[in-house]
Amino acid sequence: MTTSFFPTITTWVLPEAAVRTSLAEMARDGRRGNEGVALWLGHRTEGMAEVTHVAVLRGSLVSKAPDLLTIDPKLFAEVGDLAYDLGVRLVGQVHSHGPGSGVRFSRVDHAYGLRVPSYLSAVAPDYALNPHTRTSDFGFHVYEPGAGYRLLNAHEMQARILFPDDREVEVLTVGEGSA
C-alpha cells in the first residue's frame, strides 16, 4: 500500500493551546487594525492531522493590512525548511478578518489560498480582538480537490475537529529577526 503525501483528512486535532497562541498572535496585528495570521504545523497520517507547532511570521516578507494579508513565497520556503528539519508539515492556518467581515472566505481567500488536499484554513472574527472568542465562532474551511474550499457546518466542525486542552504546542517564530 502506498501512502499519499496528502492523505485525506477526516479529523483534525487542534489543541486549545494552538488556538490561544494563534488568537494572541492575530490580536497583535488586530490592535493595529490589520488582519493577522498563524500557521499550523504537525503530522498528517491516514485520516488525521494533528497540530503540534504554531508558526508566527515576522519581517518584511509578510504584509498585513486591514483587509489583505500576503506571505511572500520566500517566507513560505523558510517555514517549509523549518518544518522539514522538525519532521512536521504545514497542515493548516488561521487568519483574521476585520469587524463585520464575518468568517466566510473572501474572494481573495478563495483566489489565493493554498490549494492542498485536506488543508484546514480557519478564519477568526473581529481581528481576533475579542477575548471571549470561542472555536465555535471561527469559520473552518477545508480544501477539497475539484471543489475548492468549503466551510464546515457546525455539525461537521464538532464531529471532525478535536480541541484537546491537555496538549501544549511549540511556538516557532519565522522571518526576519527570528533567529
C-alpha atoms as a PDB file:
ATOM      1  CA  MET A   1       0.000   0.000   0.000  1.00  0.00           C
ATOM      2  CA  THR A   2       1.370   3.416  -0.911  1.00  0.00           C
ATOM      3  CA  THR A   3       0.863   6.430   1.292  1.00  0.00           C
ATOM      4  CA  SER A   4      -0.168   9.692  -0.344  1.00  0.00           C
ATOM      5  CA  PHE A   5       1.799  12.795   0.513  1.00  0.00           C
ATOM      6  CA  PHE A   6      -1.622  14.376   1.054  1.00  0.00           C
ATOM      7  CA  PRO A   7      -3.749  11.717   2.742  1.00  0.00           C
ATOM      8  CA  THR A   8      -7.437  12.510   3.073  1.00  0.00           C
ATOM      9  CA  ILE A   9      -8.047  14.010   6.493  1.00  0.00           C
ATOM     10  CA  THR A  10     -11.339  13.377   8.233  1.00  0.00           C
ATOM     11  CA  THR A  11     -10.264  14.530  11.720  1.00  0.00           C
ATOM     12  CA  TRP A  12      -8.056  17.369  12.902  1.00  0.00           C
ATOM     13  CA  VAL A  13      -6.576  17.570  16.389  1.00  0.00           C
ATOM     14  CA  LEU A  14      -6.194  21.278  17.166  1.00  0.00           C
ATOM     15  CA  PRO A  15      -5.070  21.767  20.768  1.00  0.00           C
ATOM     16  CA  GLU A  16      -6.622  24.650  22.698  1.00  0.00           C
ATOM     17  CA  ALA A  17      -3.037  25.879  23.255  1.00  0.00           C
ATOM     18  CA  ALA A  18      -2.673  26.307  19.470  1.00  0.00           C
ATOM     19  CA  VAL A  19      -5.948  28.220  19.305  1.00  0.00           C
ATOM     20  CA  ARG A  20      -4.966  30.534  22.210  1.00  0.00           C
ATOM     21  CA  THR A  21      -1.493  31.141  20.764  1.00  0.00           C
ATOM     22  CA  SER A  22      -2.953  31.878  17.333  1.00  0.00           C
ATOM     23  CA  LEU A  23      -5.551  34.284  18.720  1.00  0.00           C
ATOM     24  CA  ALA A  24      -2.875  36.169  20.679  1.00  0.00           C
ATOM     25  CA  GLU A  25      -0.694  36.395  17.563  1.00  0.00           C
ATOM     26  CA  MET A  26      -3.518  37.699  15.372  1.00  0.00           C
ATOM     27  CA  ALA A  27      -4.633  40.177  18.045  1.00  0.00           C
ATOM     28  CA  ARG A  28      -1.154  41.821  17.850  1.00  0.00           C
ATOM     29  CA  ASP A  29      -1.991  42.816  14.293  1.00  0.00           C
ATOM     30  CA  GLY A  30      -5.659  43.415  15.037  1.00  0.00           C
ATOM     31  CA  ARG A  31      -4.744  46.140  17.519  1.00  0.00           C
ATOM     32  CA  ARG A  32      -3.112  47.913  14.559  1.00  0.00           C
ATOM     33  CA  GLY A  33      -6.301  47.449  12.515  1.00  0.00           C
ATOM     34  CA  ASN A  34      -4.865  44.665  10.366  1.00  0.00           C
ATOM     35  CA  GLU A  35      -5.557  41.048   9.586  1.00  0.00           C
ATOM     36  CA  GLY A  36      -3.268  38.582  11.330  1.00  0.00           C
ATOM     37  CA  VAL A  37      -2.108  35.049  10.630  1.00  0.00           C
ATOM     38  CA  ALA A  38      -0.612  31.962  12.260  1.00  0.00           C
ATOM     39  CA  LEU A  39       0.432  28.760  10.505  1.00  0.00           C
ATOM     40  CA  TRP A  40      -0.257  25.319  11.964  1.00  0.00           C
ATOM     41  CA  LEU A  41       2.320  22.578  11.575  1.00  0.00           C
ATOM     42  CA  GLY A  42       2.106  18.983  12.667  1.00  0.00           C
ATOM     43  CA  HIS A  43       1.648  15.443  11.457  1.00  0.00           C
ATOM     44  CA  ARG A  44      -0.668  14.007   8.804  1.00  0.00           C
ATOM     45  CA  THR A  45      -1.472  10.343   8.810  1.00  0.00           C
ATOM     46  CA  GLU A  46      -4.220   8.471   7.068  1.00  0.00           C
ATOM     47  CA  GLY A  47      -7.398  10.142   8.246  1.00  0.00           C
ATOM     48  CA  MET A  48      -5.915  12.515  10.843  1.00  0.00           C
ATOM     49  CA  ALA A  49      -3.907  15.723  11.126  1.00  0.00           C
ATOM     50  CA  GLU A  50      -2.531  16.823  14.488  1.00  0.00           C
ATOM     51  CA  VAL A  51      -1.224  20.344  15.140  1.00  0.00           C
ATOM     52  CA  THR A  52       1.966  20.309  17.223  1.00  0.00           C
ATOM     53  CA  HIS A  53       3.524  23.682  16.326  1.00  0.00           C
ATOM     54  CA  VAL A  54       2.297  27.219  15.675  1.00  0.00           C
ATOM     55  CA  ALA A  55       4.442  29.354  13.366  1.00  0.00           C
ATOM     56  CA  VAL A  56       4.238  33.113  13.794  1.00  0.00           C
ATOM     57  CA  LEU A  57       5.576  35.210  10.938  1.00  0.00           C
ATOM     58  CA  ARG A  58       7.794  38.269  11.225  1.00  0.00           C
ATOM     59  CA  GLY A  59       9.532  40.707   8.912  1.00  0.00           C
ATOM     60  CA  SER A  60       9.023  42.347   5.559  1.00  0.00           C
ATOM     61  CA  LEU A  61       8.069  39.115   3.763  1.00  0.00           C
ATOM     62  CA  VAL A  62       4.639  39.136   5.395  1.00  0.00           C
ATOM     63  CA  SER A  63       2.348  42.068   4.720  1.00  0.00           C
ATOM     64  CA  LYS A  64      -0.698  42.712   6.893  1.00  0.00           C
ATOM     65  CA  ALA A  65      -3.381  45.285   6.082  1.00  0.00           C
ATOM     66  CA  PRO A  66      -6.996  45.923   7.155  1.00  0.00           C
ATOM     67  CA  ASP A  67      -8.429  43.603   4.502  1.00  0.00           C
ATOM     68  CA  LEU A  68      -5.451  41.864   2.934  1.00  0.00           C
ATOM     69  CA  LEU A  69      -2.702  39.533   4.032  1.00  0.00           C
ATOM     70  CA  THR A  70       0.180  38.385   1.841  1.00  0.00           C
ATOM     71  CA  ILE A  71       3.012  35.982   2.566  1.00  0.00           C
ATOM     72  CA  ASP A  72       5.986  36.024   0.227  1.00  0.00           C
ATOM     73  CA  PRO A  73       6.923  32.591  -1.190  1.00  0.00           C
ATOM     74  CA  LYS A  74      10.419  33.026   0.332  1.00  0.00           C
ATOM     75  CA  LEU A  75       8.855  33.107   3.800  1.00  0.00           C
ATOM     76  CA  PHE A  76       6.773  30.016   2.999  1.00  0.00           C
ATOM     77  CA  ALA A  77      10.014  28.338   1.904  1.00  0.00           C
ATOM     78  CA  GLU A  78      11.592  29.261   5.244  1.00  0.00           C
ATOM     79  CA  VAL A  79       8.605  27.735   7.053  1.00  0.00           C
ATOM     80  CA  GLY A  80       8.931  24.637   4.867  1.00  0.00           C
ATOM     81  CA  ASP A  81      12.641  24.273   5.642  1.00  0.00           C
ATOM     82  CA  LEU A  82      11.976  24.582   9.367  1.00  0.00           C
ATOM     83  CA  ALA A  83       9.107  22.088   9.166  1.00  0.00           C
ATOM     84  CA  TYR A  84      11.330  19.629   7.319  1.00  0.00           C
ATOM     85  CA  ASP A  85      14.050  19.971   9.967  1.00  0.00           C
ATOM     86  CA  LEU A  86      11.465  19.309  12.707  1.00  0.00           C
ATOM     87  CA  GLY A  87       9.830  16.389  10.887  1.00  0.00           C
ATOM     88  CA  VAL A  88       6.445  18.117  10.598  1.00  0.00           C
ATOM     89  CA  ARG A  89       4.307  19.516   7.773  1.00  0.00           C
ATOM     90  CA  LEU A  90       2.145  22.549   7.211  1.00  0.00           C
ATOM     91  CA  VAL A  91      -1.352  21.218   7.963  1.00  0.00           C
ATOM     92  CA  GLY A  92      -3.368  24.408   8.247  1.00  0.00           C
ATOM     93  CA  GLN A  93      -3.544  28.051   9.129  1.00  0.00           C
ATOM     94  CA  VAL A  94      -5.743  30.681  10.675  1.00  0.00           C
ATOM     95  CA  HIS A  95      -6.141  34.301   9.716  1.00  0.00           C
ATOM     96  CA  SER A  96      -8.415  37.016  10.988  1.00  0.00           C
ATOM     97  CA  HIS A  97     -10.993  39.183   9.285  1.00  0.00           C
ATOM     98  CA  GLY A  98     -11.999  42.640  10.461  1.00  0.00           C
ATOM     99  CA  PRO A  99     -15.153  43.585  12.345  1.00  0.00           C
ATOM    100  CA  GLY A 100     -18.266  42.947  10.292  1.00  0.00           C
ATOM    101  CA  SER A 101     -16.416  40.859   7.684  1.00  0.00           C
ATOM    102  CA  GLY A 102     -17.511  37.514   9.075  1.00  0.00           C
ATOM    103  CA  VAL A 103     -15.687  34.194   8.988  1.00  0.00           C
ATOM    104  CA  ARG A 104     -16.504  33.044   5.468  1.00  0.00           C
ATOM    105  CA  PHE A 105     -13.750  33.098   2.885  1.00  0.00           C
ATOM    106  CA  SER A 106     -13.402  36.319   0.931  1.00  0.00           C
ATOM    107  CA  ARG A 107     -12.915  36.368  -2.845  1.00  0.00           C
ATOM    108  CA  VAL A 108      -9.192  36.871  -2.198  1.00  0.00           C
ATOM    109  CA  ASP A 109      -9.098  33.874   0.170  1.00  0.00           C
ATOM    110  CA  HIS A 110     -10.696  31.686  -2.496  1.00  0.00           C
ATOM    111  CA  ALA A 111      -8.466  33.029  -5.278  1.00  0.00           C
ATOM    112  CA  TYR A 112      -5.111  32.871  -3.476  1.00  0.00           C
ATOM    113  CA  GLY A 113      -5.450  30.377  -0.623  1.00  0.00           C
ATOM    114  CA  LEU A 114      -3.218  27.309  -0.587  1.00  0.00           C
ATOM    115  CA  ARG A 115      -4.694  24.514  -2.647  1.00  0.00           C
ATOM    116  CA  VAL A 116      -3.607  21.460  -0.706  1.00  0.00           C
ATOM    117  CA  PRO A 117      -5.963  18.494  -0.266  1.00  0.00           C
ATOM    118  CA  SER A 118      -7.477  18.389   3.237  1.00  0.00           C
ATOM    119  CA  TYR A 119      -5.760  21.647   4.250  1.00  0.00           C
ATOM    120  CA  LEU A 120      -7.575  23.320   7.154  1.00  0.00           C
ATOM    121  CA  SER A 121      -7.938  27.077   6.833  1.00  0.00           C
ATOM    122  CA  ALA A 122      -9.676  28.895   9.658  1.00  0.00           C
ATOM    123  CA  VAL A 123     -10.941  32.456   9.862  1.00  0.00           C
ATOM    124  CA  ALA A 124     -11.205  34.244  13.209  1.00  0.00           C
ATOM    125  CA  PRO A 125     -13.643  37.146  13.567  1.00  0.00           C
ATOM    126  CA  ASP A 126     -13.057  40.765  14.601  1.00  0.00           C
ATOM    127  CA  TYR A 127      -9.276  40.783  14.118  1.00  0.00           C
ATOM    128  CA  ALA A 128      -9.113  38.222  16.983  1.00  0.00           C
ATOM    129  CA  LEU A 129      -9.526  41.063  19.488  1.00  0.00           C
ATOM    130  CA  ASN A 130     -12.472  39.663  21.461  1.00  0.00           C
ATOM    131  CA  PRO A 131     -11.054  37.788  24.481  1.00  0.00           C
ATOM    132  CA  HIS A 132     -14.238  35.707  24.605  1.00  0.00           C
ATOM    133  CA  THR A 133     -13.823  34.262  21.087  1.00  0.00           C
ATOM    134  CA  ARG A 134     -14.533  30.534  21.081  1.00  0.00           C
ATOM    135  CA  THR A 135     -13.648  27.978  18.458  1.00  0.00           C
ATOM    136  CA  SER A 136     -17.335  27.837  17.535  1.00  0.00           C
ATOM    137  CA  ASP A 137     -17.004  31.497  16.462  1.00  0.00           C
ATOM    138  CA  PHE A 138     -14.398  30.606  13.803  1.00  0.00           C
ATOM    139  CA  GLY A 139     -15.086  29.634  10.231  1.00  0.00           C
ATOM    140  CA  PHE A 140     -13.279  26.367   9.465  1.00  0.00           C
ATOM    141  CA  HIS A 141     -12.732  25.737   5.761  1.00  0.00           C
ATOM    142  CA  VAL A 142     -11.315  22.593   4.166  1.00  0.00           C
ATOM    143  CA  TYR A 143      -9.776  22.380   0.720  1.00  0.00           C
ATOM    144  CA  GLU A 144     -11.306  19.626  -1.378  1.00  0.00           C
ATOM    145  CA  PRO A 145      -9.746  18.872  -4.783  1.00  0.00           C
ATOM    146  CA  GLY A 146     -12.130  19.679  -7.602  1.00  0.00           C
ATOM    147  CA  ALA A 147     -14.400  21.697  -5.313  1.00  0.00           C
ATOM    148  CA  GLY A 148     -12.094  24.230  -3.627  1.00  0.00           C
ATOM    149  CA  TYR A 149     -12.507  25.458  -0.082  1.00  0.00           C
ATOM    150  CA  ARG A 150     -15.686  24.522   1.728  1.00  0.00           C
ATOM    151  CA  LEU A 151     -16.920  25.935   5.029  1.00  0.00           C
ATOM    152  CA  LEU A 152     -17.617  23.196   7.570  1.00  0.00           C
ATOM    153  CA  ASN A 153     -21.049  23.498   9.121  1.00  0.00           C
ATOM    154  CA  ALA A 154     -21.409  23.398  12.920  1.00  0.00           C
ATOM    155  CA  HIS A 155     -22.162  19.664  12.968  1.00  0.00           C
ATOM    156  CA  GLU A 156     -19.130  18.825  10.800  1.00  0.00           C
ATOM    157  CA  MET A 157     -16.885  21.063  12.868  1.00  0.00           C
ATOM    158  CA  GLN A 158     -17.986  19.367  16.074  1.00  0.00           C
ATOM    159  CA  ALA A 159     -17.525  15.895  14.580  1.00  0.00           C
ATOM    160  CA  ARG A 160     -14.242  16.485  12.713  1.00  0.00           C
ATOM    161  CA  ILE A 161     -12.174  18.921  14.801  1.00  0.00           C
ATOM    162  CA  LEU A 162     -10.985  17.933  18.269  1.00  0.00           C
ATOM    163  CA  PHE A 163      -9.815  20.634  20.682  1.00  0.00           C
ATOM    164  CA  PRO A 164      -7.930  18.871  23.495  1.00  0.00           C
ATOM    165  CA  ASP A 165      -6.971  21.168  26.338  1.00  0.00           C
ATOM    166  CA  ASP A 166      -4.220  18.937  27.720  1.00  0.00           C
ATOM    167  CA  ARG A 167      -1.642  19.324  24.932  1.00  0.00           C
ATOM    168  CA  GLU A 168       0.969  22.004  24.542  1.00  0.00           C
ATOM    169  CA  VAL A 169       2.324  23.248  21.234  1.00  0.00           C
ATOM    170  CA  GLU A 170       5.695  24.661  20.319  1.00  0.00           C
ATOM    171  CA  VAL A 171       5.707  28.240  19.026  1.00  0.00           C
ATOM    172  CA  LEU A 172       8.080  28.946  16.145  1.00  0.00           C
ATOM    173  CA  THR A 173       8.961  32.478  15.083  1.00  0.00           C
ATOM    174  CA  VAL A 174       9.833  32.605  11.400  1.00  0.00           C
ATOM    175  CA  GLY A 175      11.172  35.515   9.346  1.00  0.00           C
ATOM    176  CA  GLU A 176      13.468  38.487   9.788  1.00  0.00           C
ATOM    177  CA  GLY A 177      14.674  38.900  13.332  1.00  0.00           C
ATOM    178  CA  SER A 178      13.512  35.439  14.350  1.00  0.00           C
ATOM    179  CA  ALA A 179      16.917  33.864  14.832  1.00  0.00           C
END
